[in-house]
Amino acid sequence: MNKKHPIFMLTLMSILLLPVSNIHAADIKIGFVNILQVLDMAPQAKTADARLKQEFAPREKRLTRIGDEIRRMESRLQKEEDIMSAKEVTRLSKQVRSKSREFEREKDELSEDFNLRRNEEIAKLQKQIYKAIVSLSEAEGYDLVVGEGVIHASKRVDITNKVLGQLKKMK
């Protein structure tokens, strides 16, 4: 009978186990955490953001200065090209190209360095969030806490604000 009717056996087993699973499910305490909201609102995230801005501000200012210098040189070249010697036009054009390459290189390096540092900060924050969720789960007796991939969670099981509170204590 097993070889001929595996669907029948699977259905029969499901029906027999259904009452047992309902009994156990009633005792489970479940919580949901909106991880994106926690990442957005955690005080540690705001601190990390401020730290990154401060760390990369000097390089951004330098890029701004280089960009301004390129614009001034281009403007001068455009306005005074008619009265400049051919040699001077060539020299200024080369300077503009050189500065533009320098600007692009530094902009790419800044972007890459910033992304690496941001990822480091996010990794640290994720560890803190994990610790906060585990700590809260153990303290309040949650059997299961879910996050991403949830289609709907009622306010009754949403513990996002509790996790944020836990993170504030950890700061």
N, C-alpha and C. Protein backbone atom coordinates (compact mmCIF):
# COMPACT_ATOMS: atom_id res chain seq x y z
N MET A 1 0.82 -1.19 0.00
CA MET A 1 0.00 0.00 0.00
C MET A 1 0.86 1.26 0.00
N ASN A 2 2.04 1.24 0.66
CA ASN A 2 2.93 2.40 0.69
C ASN A 2 3.43 2.76 -0.69
N LYS A 3 3.77 1.78 -1.50
CA LYS A 3 4.31 2.04 -2.82
C LYS A 3 3.25 2.59 -3.75
N LYS A 4 2.02 2.15 -3.59
CA LYS A 4 0.97 2.56 -4.50
C LYS A 4 0.34 3.88 -4.10
N HIS A 5 0.28 4.18 -2.80
CA HIS A 5 -0.46 5.35 -2.34
C HIS A 5 0.34 6.17 -1.31
N PRO A 6 1.47 6.75 -1.72
CA PRO A 6 2.26 7.53 -0.76
C PRO A 6 1.53 8.79 -0.32
N ILE A 7 0.71 9.36 -1.18
CA ILE A 7 -0.04 10.56 -0.80
C ILE A 7 -1.04 10.23 0.29
N PHE A 8 -1.68 9.06 0.17
CA PHE A 8 -2.65 8.64 1.18
C PHE A 8 -1.96 8.49 2.55
N MET A 9 -0.81 7.87 2.57
CA MET A 9 -0.08 7.66 3.83
C MET A 9 0.37 9.01 4.42
N LEU A 10 0.84 9.91 3.58
CA LEU A 10 1.27 11.22 4.05
C LEU A 10 0.09 11.98 4.64
N THR A 11 -1.05 11.94 3.98
CA THR A 11 -2.25 12.61 4.47
C THR A 11 -2.69 12.00 5.80
N LEU A 12 -2.69 10.69 5.89
CA LEU A 12 -3.10 10.00 7.11
C LEU A 12 -2.18 10.37 8.27
N MET A 13 -0.87 10.41 8.02
CA MET A 13 0.07 10.77 9.07
C MET A 13 -0.14 12.22 9.51
N SER A 14 -0.39 13.11 8.56
CA SER A 14 -0.64 14.52 8.89
C SER A 14 -1.87 14.67 9.76
N ILE A 15 -2.91 13.94 9.42
CA ILE A 15 -4.16 14.02 10.20
C ILE A 15 -3.95 13.49 11.61
N LEU A 16 -3.19 12.41 11.74
CA LEU A 16 -2.93 11.83 13.06
C LEU A 16 -2.06 12.75 13.92
N LEU A 17 -1.12 13.47 13.30
CA LEU A 17 -0.21 14.34 14.06
C LEU A 17 -0.77 15.73 14.31
N LEU A 18 -1.81 16.11 13.60
CA LEU A 18 -2.37 17.45 13.72
C LEU A 18 -2.78 17.80 15.15
N PRO A 19 -3.51 16.96 15.87
CA PRO A 19 -3.88 17.32 17.25
C PRO A 19 -2.65 17.50 18.14
N VAL A 20 -1.61 16.72 17.95
CA VAL A 20 -0.40 16.82 18.77
C VAL A 20 0.28 18.16 18.51
N SER A 21 0.39 18.56 17.26
CA SER A 21 1.07 19.81 16.95
C SER A 21 0.29 21.01 17.46
N ASN A 22 -1.03 20.96 17.47
CA ASN A 22 -1.84 22.06 18.00
C ASN A 22 -1.68 22.19 19.51
N ILE A 23 -1.55 21.10 20.19
CA ILE A 23 -1.35 21.14 21.64
C ILE A 23 -0.03 21.83 21.97
N HIS A 24 1.02 21.48 21.27
CA HIS A 24 2.32 22.07 21.52
C HIS A 24 2.39 23.52 21.08
N ALA A 25 1.74 23.87 19.99
CA ALA A 25 1.79 25.24 19.48
C ALA A 25 1.15 26.22 20.43
N ALA A 26 0.21 25.79 21.22
CA ALA A 26 -0.47 26.68 22.16
C ALA A 26 0.49 27.16 23.25
N ASP A 27 1.53 26.41 23.53
CA ASP A 27 2.47 26.76 24.60
C ASP A 27 3.65 27.60 24.11
N ILE A 28 3.75 27.84 22.83
CA ILE A 28 4.90 28.55 22.27
C ILE A 28 4.65 30.06 22.29
N LYS A 29 5.65 30.80 22.77
CA LYS A 29 5.59 32.26 22.77
C LYS A 29 6.44 32.76 21.61
N ILE A 30 5.80 33.48 20.69
CA ILE A 30 6.45 33.93 19.46
C ILE A 30 6.54 35.45 19.44
N GLY A 31 7.67 35.96 18.94
CA GLY A 31 7.85 37.40 18.79
C GLY A 31 8.36 37.70 17.38
N PHE A 32 8.10 38.91 16.94
CA PHE A 32 8.55 39.37 15.62
C PHE A 32 9.35 40.64 15.81
N VAL A 33 10.46 40.77 15.08
CA VAL A 33 11.28 41.97 15.11
C VAL A 33 11.42 42.51 13.69
N ASN A 34 11.08 43.78 13.52
CA ASN A 34 11.28 44.45 12.23
C ASN A 34 12.72 44.94 12.21
N ILE A 35 13.58 44.14 11.61
CA ILE A 35 15.02 44.41 11.61
C ILE A 35 15.34 45.73 10.92
N LEU A 36 14.66 46.03 9.81
CA LEU A 36 14.93 47.29 9.11
C LEU A 36 14.63 48.49 10.00
N GLN A 37 13.54 48.41 10.76
CA GLN A 37 13.20 49.50 11.68
C GLN A 37 14.24 49.62 12.77
N VAL A 38 14.70 48.49 13.29
CA VAL A 38 15.73 48.51 14.33
C VAL A 38 17.02 49.12 13.78
N LEU A 39 17.42 48.69 12.58
CA LEU A 39 18.64 49.25 11.98
C LEU A 39 18.52 50.76 11.76
N ASP A 40 17.32 51.21 11.45
CA ASP A 40 17.10 52.63 11.19
C ASP A 40 17.03 53.46 12.47
N MET A 41 16.45 52.90 13.53
CA MET A 41 16.16 53.70 14.72
C MET A 41 17.10 53.44 15.90
N ALA A 42 17.95 52.45 15.82
CA ALA A 42 18.84 52.14 16.95
C ALA A 42 19.78 53.30 17.23
N PRO A 43 19.98 53.64 18.49
CA PRO A 43 20.91 54.73 18.81
C PRO A 43 22.33 54.43 18.33
N GLN A 44 22.70 53.16 18.33
CA GLN A 44 24.03 52.78 17.85
C GLN A 44 24.18 53.10 16.36
N ALA A 45 23.09 53.01 15.59
CA ALA A 45 23.14 53.33 14.16
C ALA A 45 23.40 54.81 13.96
N LYS A 46 22.73 55.64 14.76
CA LYS A 46 22.93 57.08 14.65
C LYS A 46 24.35 57.47 15.05
N THR A 47 24.88 56.82 16.06
CA THR A 47 26.26 57.07 16.49
C THR A 47 27.24 56.65 15.41
N ALA A 48 27.02 55.49 14.81
CA ALA A 48 27.91 55.00 13.75
C ALA A 48 27.87 55.94 12.55
N ASP A 49 26.67 56.43 12.21
CA ASP A 49 26.53 57.35 11.08
C ASP A 49 27.31 58.64 11.34
N ALA A 50 27.20 59.17 12.53
CA ALA A 50 27.93 60.40 12.88
C ALA A 50 29.43 60.16 12.85
N ARG A 51 29.86 58.99 13.32
CA ARG A 51 31.28 58.65 13.33
C ARG A 51 31.81 58.57 11.89
N LEU A 52 31.04 57.96 10.99
CA LEU A 52 31.46 57.85 9.58
C LEU A 52 31.53 59.23 8.92
N LYS A 53 30.53 60.07 9.19
CA LYS A 53 30.55 61.41 8.60
C LYS A 53 31.78 62.18 9.06
N GLN A 54 32.09 62.09 10.33
CA GLN A 54 33.25 62.80 10.86
C GLN A 54 34.55 62.23 10.28
N GLU A 55 34.62 60.93 10.16
CA GLU A 55 35.82 60.29 9.65
C GLU A 55 36.10 60.65 8.19
N PHE A 56 35.04 60.77 7.39
CA PHE A 56 35.24 60.99 5.96
C PHE A 56 35.05 62.45 5.53
N ALA A 57 34.72 63.33 6.45
CA ALA A 57 34.52 64.74 6.12
C ALA A 57 35.76 65.40 5.51
N PRO A 58 36.96 65.18 6.06
CA PRO A 58 38.14 65.83 5.45
C PRO A 58 38.37 65.42 4.00
N ARG A 59 38.15 64.16 3.69
CA ARG A 59 38.35 63.70 2.31
C ARG A 59 37.27 64.27 1.39
N GLU A 60 36.05 64.38 1.89
CA GLU A 60 34.98 64.98 1.09
C GLU A 60 35.25 66.45 0.82
N LYS A 61 35.79 67.15 1.82
CA LYS A 61 36.15 68.55 1.63
C LYS A 61 37.25 68.69 0.58
N ARG A 62 38.21 67.79 0.64
CA ARG A 62 39.30 67.81 -0.34
C ARG A 62 38.74 67.61 -1.75
N LEU A 63 37.82 66.67 -1.90
CA LEU A 63 37.20 66.45 -3.21
C LEU A 63 36.46 67.69 -3.68
N THR A 64 35.78 68.34 -2.77
CA THR A 64 35.06 69.57 -3.13
C THR A 64 36.03 70.63 -3.62
N ARG A 65 37.15 70.77 -2.92
CA ARG A 65 38.17 71.75 -3.34
C ARG A 65 38.72 71.43 -4.73
N ILE A 66 39.01 70.16 -4.97
CA ILE A 66 39.53 69.76 -6.29
C ILE A 66 38.48 70.04 -7.37
N GLY A 67 37.23 69.70 -7.09
CA GLY A 67 36.15 69.97 -8.05
C GLY A 67 36.01 71.44 -8.35
N ASP A 68 36.09 72.27 -7.30
CA ASP A 68 36.02 73.73 -7.49
C ASP A 68 37.19 74.22 -8.34
N GLU A 69 38.36 73.68 -8.06
CA GLU A 69 39.56 74.08 -8.82
C GLU A 69 39.41 73.71 -10.30
N ILE A 70 38.88 72.53 -10.57
CA ILE A 70 38.67 72.10 -11.96
C ILE A 70 37.68 73.05 -12.65
N ARG A 71 36.60 73.38 -11.99
CA ARG A 71 35.61 74.29 -12.57
C ARG A 71 36.21 75.67 -12.86
N ARG A 72 37.04 76.17 -11.95
CA ARG A 72 37.69 77.46 -12.18
C ARG A 72 38.63 77.40 -13.39
N MET A 73 39.41 76.33 -13.47
CA MET A 73 40.33 76.18 -14.59
C MET A 73 39.57 76.06 -15.91
N GLU A 74 38.49 75.28 -15.92
CA GLU A 74 37.69 75.14 -17.14
C GLU A 74 37.06 76.47 -17.54
N SER A 75 36.58 77.20 -16.54
CA SER A 75 35.96 78.50 -16.80
C SER A 75 36.99 79.46 -17.39
N ARG A 76 38.17 79.47 -16.81
CA ARG A 76 39.24 80.35 -17.30
C ARG A 76 39.61 79.97 -18.73
N LEU A 77 39.73 78.68 -18.97
CA LEU A 77 40.07 78.20 -20.31
C LEU A 77 39.01 78.62 -21.32
N GLN A 78 37.76 78.50 -20.93
CA GLN A 78 36.67 78.86 -21.84
C GLN A 78 36.63 80.37 -22.11
N LYS A 79 36.82 81.16 -21.07
CA LYS A 79 36.73 82.62 -21.21
C LYS A 79 37.94 83.23 -21.90
N GLU A 80 39.13 82.70 -21.57
CA GLU A 80 40.37 83.34 -22.03
C GLU A 80 41.09 82.59 -23.15
N GLU A 81 40.46 81.55 -23.67
CA GLU A 81 41.13 80.75 -24.70
C GLU A 81 41.55 81.60 -25.91
N ASP A 82 40.72 82.56 -26.26
CA ASP A 82 41.01 83.40 -27.43
C ASP A 82 42.24 84.30 -27.23
N ILE A 83 42.50 84.71 -25.99
CA ILE A 83 43.62 85.62 -25.74
C ILE A 83 44.88 84.89 -25.25
N MET A 84 44.78 83.59 -25.00
CA MET A 84 45.93 82.81 -24.54
C MET A 84 46.74 82.31 -25.73
N SER A 85 48.00 82.06 -25.46
CA SER A 85 48.84 81.45 -26.50
C SER A 85 48.46 79.97 -26.62
N ALA A 86 48.78 79.39 -27.73
CA ALA A 86 48.48 77.98 -27.96
C ALA A 86 49.16 77.10 -26.91
N LYS A 87 50.36 77.49 -26.55
CA LYS A 87 51.13 76.73 -25.55
C LYS A 87 50.42 76.79 -24.20
N GLU A 88 49.93 77.96 -23.83
CA GLU A 88 49.23 78.14 -22.55
C GLU A 88 47.90 77.37 -22.55
N VAL A 89 47.19 77.38 -23.67
CA VAL A 89 45.93 76.63 -23.78
C VAL A 89 46.20 75.14 -23.60
N THR A 90 47.24 74.65 -24.24
CA THR A 90 47.61 73.22 -24.12
C THR A 90 47.97 72.87 -22.68
N ARG A 91 48.79 73.74 -22.07
CA ARG A 91 49.21 73.50 -20.68
C ARG A 91 48.00 73.46 -19.74
N LEU A 92 47.09 74.42 -19.87
CA LEU A 92 45.91 74.48 -19.01
C LEU A 92 44.96 73.30 -19.28
N SER A 93 44.83 72.92 -20.52
CA SER A 93 44.00 71.76 -20.86
C SER A 93 44.54 70.49 -20.22
N LYS A 94 45.87 70.32 -20.27
CA LYS A 94 46.50 69.16 -19.62
C LYS A 94 46.28 69.18 -18.11
N GLN A 95 46.38 70.36 -17.51
CA GLN A 95 46.13 70.48 -16.07
C GLN A 95 44.70 70.09 -15.72
N VAL A 96 43.75 70.52 -16.55
CA VAL A 96 42.33 70.18 -16.31
C VAL A 96 42.15 68.67 -16.39
N ARG A 97 42.72 68.03 -17.42
CA ARG A 97 42.60 66.58 -17.56
C ARG A 97 43.25 65.86 -16.39
N SER A 98 44.42 66.33 -15.99
CA SER A 98 45.14 65.71 -14.88
C SER A 98 44.35 65.83 -13.57
N LYS A 99 43.84 67.03 -13.32
CA LYS A 99 43.04 67.26 -12.10
C LYS A 99 41.75 66.43 -12.14
N SER A 100 41.17 66.31 -13.32
CA SER A 100 39.93 65.53 -13.46
C SER A 100 40.19 64.05 -13.16
N ARG A 101 41.32 63.52 -13.64
CA ARG A 101 41.68 62.12 -13.33
C ARG A 101 41.93 61.95 -11.84
N GLU A 102 42.64 62.90 -11.25
CA GLU A 102 42.90 62.87 -9.81
C GLU A 102 41.58 62.89 -9.04
N PHE A 103 40.67 63.75 -9.46
CA PHE A 103 39.36 63.87 -8.81
C PHE A 103 38.61 62.53 -8.89
N GLU A 104 38.55 61.95 -10.06
CA GLU A 104 37.82 60.68 -10.24
C GLU A 104 38.45 59.56 -9.42
N ARG A 105 39.78 59.49 -9.41
CA ARG A 105 40.48 58.46 -8.65
C ARG A 105 40.18 58.61 -7.15
N GLU A 106 40.30 59.83 -6.65
CA GLU A 106 40.05 60.06 -5.22
C GLU A 106 38.59 59.82 -4.86
N LYS A 107 37.68 60.18 -5.77
CA LYS A 107 36.25 59.95 -5.53
C LYS A 107 35.97 58.45 -5.44
N ASP A 108 36.56 57.66 -6.34
CA ASP A 108 36.38 56.21 -6.31
C ASP A 108 36.97 55.60 -5.04
N GLU A 109 38.16 56.07 -4.66
CA GLU A 109 38.79 55.57 -3.43
C GLU A 109 37.94 55.91 -2.21
N LEU A 110 37.43 57.12 -2.17
CA LEU A 110 36.59 57.54 -1.06
C LEU A 110 35.34 56.68 -0.98
N SER A 111 34.72 56.46 -2.10
CA SER A 111 33.50 55.65 -2.13
C SER A 111 33.78 54.22 -1.66
N GLU A 112 34.87 53.65 -2.13
CA GLU A 112 35.22 52.29 -1.73
C GLU A 112 35.54 52.22 -0.23
N ASP A 113 36.35 53.15 0.25
CA ASP A 113 36.71 53.17 1.68
C ASP A 113 35.47 53.38 2.55
N PHE A 114 34.59 54.29 2.11
CA PHE A 114 33.39 54.56 2.88
C PHE A 114 32.51 53.31 2.96
N ASN A 115 32.34 52.63 1.83
CA ASN A 115 31.52 51.42 1.83
C ASN A 115 32.10 50.33 2.72
N LEU A 116 33.41 50.18 2.71
CA LEU A 116 34.05 49.19 3.59
C LEU A 116 33.80 49.53 5.06
N ARG A 117 34.01 50.79 5.42
CA ARG A 117 33.80 51.20 6.82
C ARG A 117 32.33 51.08 7.22
N ARG A 118 31.42 51.46 6.31
CA ARG A 118 29.99 51.35 6.61
C ARG A 118 29.62 49.88 6.85
N ASN A 119 30.16 48.98 6.03
CA ASN A 119 29.89 47.56 6.23
C ASN A 119 30.43 47.06 7.56
N GLU A 120 31.59 47.56 7.97
CA GLU A 120 32.13 47.20 9.29
C GLU A 120 31.19 47.66 10.40
N GLU A 121 30.70 48.88 10.29
CA GLU A 121 29.80 49.43 11.30
C GLU A 121 28.48 48.66 11.32
N ILE A 122 27.98 48.29 10.15
CA ILE A 122 26.73 47.52 10.09
C ILE A 122 26.92 46.16 10.73
N ALA A 123 28.07 45.52 10.49
CA ALA A 123 28.35 44.22 11.09
C ALA A 123 28.36 44.32 12.62
N LYS A 124 29.00 45.37 13.14
CA LYS A 124 29.00 45.57 14.60
C LYS A 124 27.59 45.76 15.13
N LEU A 125 26.82 46.56 14.42
CA LEU A 125 25.44 46.83 14.83
C LEU A 125 24.60 45.56 14.78
N GLN A 126 24.79 44.75 13.76
CA GLN A 126 24.03 43.51 13.66
C GLN A 126 24.33 42.58 14.84
N LYS A 127 25.59 42.54 15.27
CA LYS A 127 25.94 41.73 16.44
C LYS A 127 25.24 42.25 17.69
N GLN A 128 25.20 43.58 17.83
CA GLN A 128 24.53 44.16 19.00
C GLN A 128 23.03 43.89 18.95
N ILE A 129 22.44 43.97 17.78
CA ILE A 129 21.01 43.70 17.64
C ILE A 129 20.73 42.25 17.99
N TYR A 130 21.57 41.36 17.50
CA TYR A 130 21.41 39.94 17.82
C TYR A 130 21.47 39.70 19.33
N LYS A 131 22.46 40.30 19.98
CA LYS A 131 22.58 40.15 21.44
C LYS A 131 21.35 40.70 22.15
N ALA A 132 20.84 41.84 21.69
CA ALA A 132 19.66 42.44 22.30
C ALA A 132 18.44 41.54 22.14
N ILE A 133 18.28 40.96 20.96
CA ILE A 133 17.13 40.08 20.72
C ILE A 133 17.23 38.83 21.58
N VAL A 134 18.42 38.22 21.64
CA VAL A 134 18.60 37.02 22.45
C VAL A 134 18.37 37.33 23.92
N SER A 135 18.92 38.43 24.39
CA SER A 135 18.75 38.83 25.79
C SER A 135 17.28 39.04 26.13
N LEU A 136 16.59 39.78 25.30
CA LEU A 136 15.16 40.03 25.51
C LEU A 136 14.37 38.74 25.43
N SER A 137 14.68 37.88 24.47
CA SER A 137 13.98 36.61 24.31
C SER A 137 14.12 35.73 25.54
N GLU A 138 15.33 35.67 26.07
CA GLU A 138 15.57 34.86 27.26
C GLU A 138 14.89 35.47 28.48
N ALA A 139 14.96 36.79 28.61
CA ALA A 139 14.36 37.46 29.77
C ALA A 139 12.84 37.35 29.78
N GLU A 140 12.21 37.38 28.61
CA GLU A 140 10.75 37.36 28.55
C GLU A 140 10.17 36.02 28.13
N GLY A 141 11.03 35.02 27.97
CA GLY A 141 10.56 33.66 27.70
C GLY A 141 10.02 33.40 26.31
N TYR A 142 10.59 34.04 25.32
CA TYR A 142 10.16 33.77 23.94
C TYR A 142 10.79 32.46 23.47
N ASP A 143 9.98 31.63 22.82
CA ASP A 143 10.47 30.39 22.26
C ASP A 143 10.98 30.59 20.84
N LEU A 144 10.39 31.56 20.14
CA LEU A 144 10.74 31.81 18.75
C LEU A 144 10.62 33.29 18.47
N VAL A 145 11.66 33.87 17.88
CA VAL A 145 11.62 35.25 17.44
C VAL A 145 12.00 35.24 15.96
N VAL A 146 11.14 35.82 15.15
CA VAL A 146 11.36 35.85 13.70
C VAL A 146 11.58 37.28 13.25
N GLY A 147 12.21 37.41 12.09
CA GLY A 147 12.49 38.74 11.55
C GLY A 147 12.14 38.79 10.09
N GLU A 148 13.14 38.81 9.25
CA GLU A 148 12.94 38.94 7.81
C GLU A 148 12.15 37.77 7.26
N GLY A 149 11.45 38.03 6.17
CA GLY A 149 10.70 36.98 5.51
C GLY A 149 9.29 36.80 6.04
N VAL A 150 8.89 37.63 6.97
CA VAL A 150 7.54 37.54 7.52
C VAL A 150 6.62 38.41 6.69
N ILE A 151 5.52 37.84 6.28
CA ILE A 151 4.56 38.60 5.47
C ILE A 151 3.69 39.47 6.36
N HIS A 152 3.29 38.97 7.49
CA HIS A 152 2.45 39.76 8.41
C HIS A 152 2.74 39.34 9.84
N ALA A 153 2.79 40.31 10.72
CA ALA A 153 2.92 40.05 12.15
C ALA A 153 2.01 41.03 12.87
N SER A 154 1.21 40.53 13.77
CA SER A 154 0.29 41.41 14.51
C SER A 154 1.07 42.20 15.56
N LYS A 155 0.46 43.27 16.03
CA LYS A 155 1.09 44.10 17.07
C LYS A 155 1.33 43.28 18.34
N ARG A 156 0.52 42.25 18.53
CA ARG A 156 0.63 41.42 19.73
C ARG A 156 1.97 40.70 19.81
N VAL A 157 2.54 40.33 18.65
CA VAL A 157 3.80 39.60 18.66
C VAL A 157 4.99 40.48 18.25
N ASP A 158 4.74 41.72 17.86
CA ASP A 158 5.81 42.63 17.42
C ASP A 158 6.57 43.16 18.63
N ILE A 159 7.82 42.76 18.74
CA ILE A 159 8.65 43.18 19.88
C ILE A 159 9.75 44.14 19.45
N THR A 160 9.57 44.75 18.29
CA THR A 160 10.58 45.67 17.75
C THR A 160 10.92 46.79 18.74
N ASN A 161 9.91 47.42 19.32
CA ASN A 161 10.16 48.52 20.26
C ASN A 161 10.88 48.03 21.52
N LYS A 162 10.59 46.81 21.94
CA LYS A 162 11.29 46.25 23.09
C LYS A 162 12.78 46.04 22.76
N VAL A 163 13.05 45.58 21.55
CA VAL A 163 14.44 45.38 21.12
C VAL A 163 15.17 46.74 21.08
N LEU A 164 14.49 47.76 20.55
CA LEU A 164 15.09 49.10 20.53
C LEU A 164 15.38 49.58 21.96
N GLY A 165 14.46 49.30 22.87
CA GLY A 165 14.70 49.64 24.28
C GLY A 165 15.92 48.92 24.83
N GLN A 166 16.06 47.67 24.48
CA GLN A 166 17.21 46.87 24.92
C GLN A 166 18.50 47.47 24.35
N LEU A 167 18.47 47.89 23.11
CA LEU A 167 19.66 48.50 22.49
C LEU A 167 20.02 49.82 23.16
N LYS A 168 19.01 50.59 23.56
CA LYS A 168 19.27 51.84 24.27
C LYS A 168 19.98 51.58 25.59
N LYS A 169 19.60 50.48 26.26
CA LYS A 169 20.26 50.11 27.51
C LYS A 169 21.71 49.69 27.27
N MET A 170 21.96 49.08 26.11
CA MET A 170 23.30 48.59 25.79
C MET A 170 24.26 49.70 25.38
N LYS A 171 23.73 50.84 24.99
CA LYS A 171 24.55 51.93 24.48
C LYS A 171 25.50 52.43 25.49
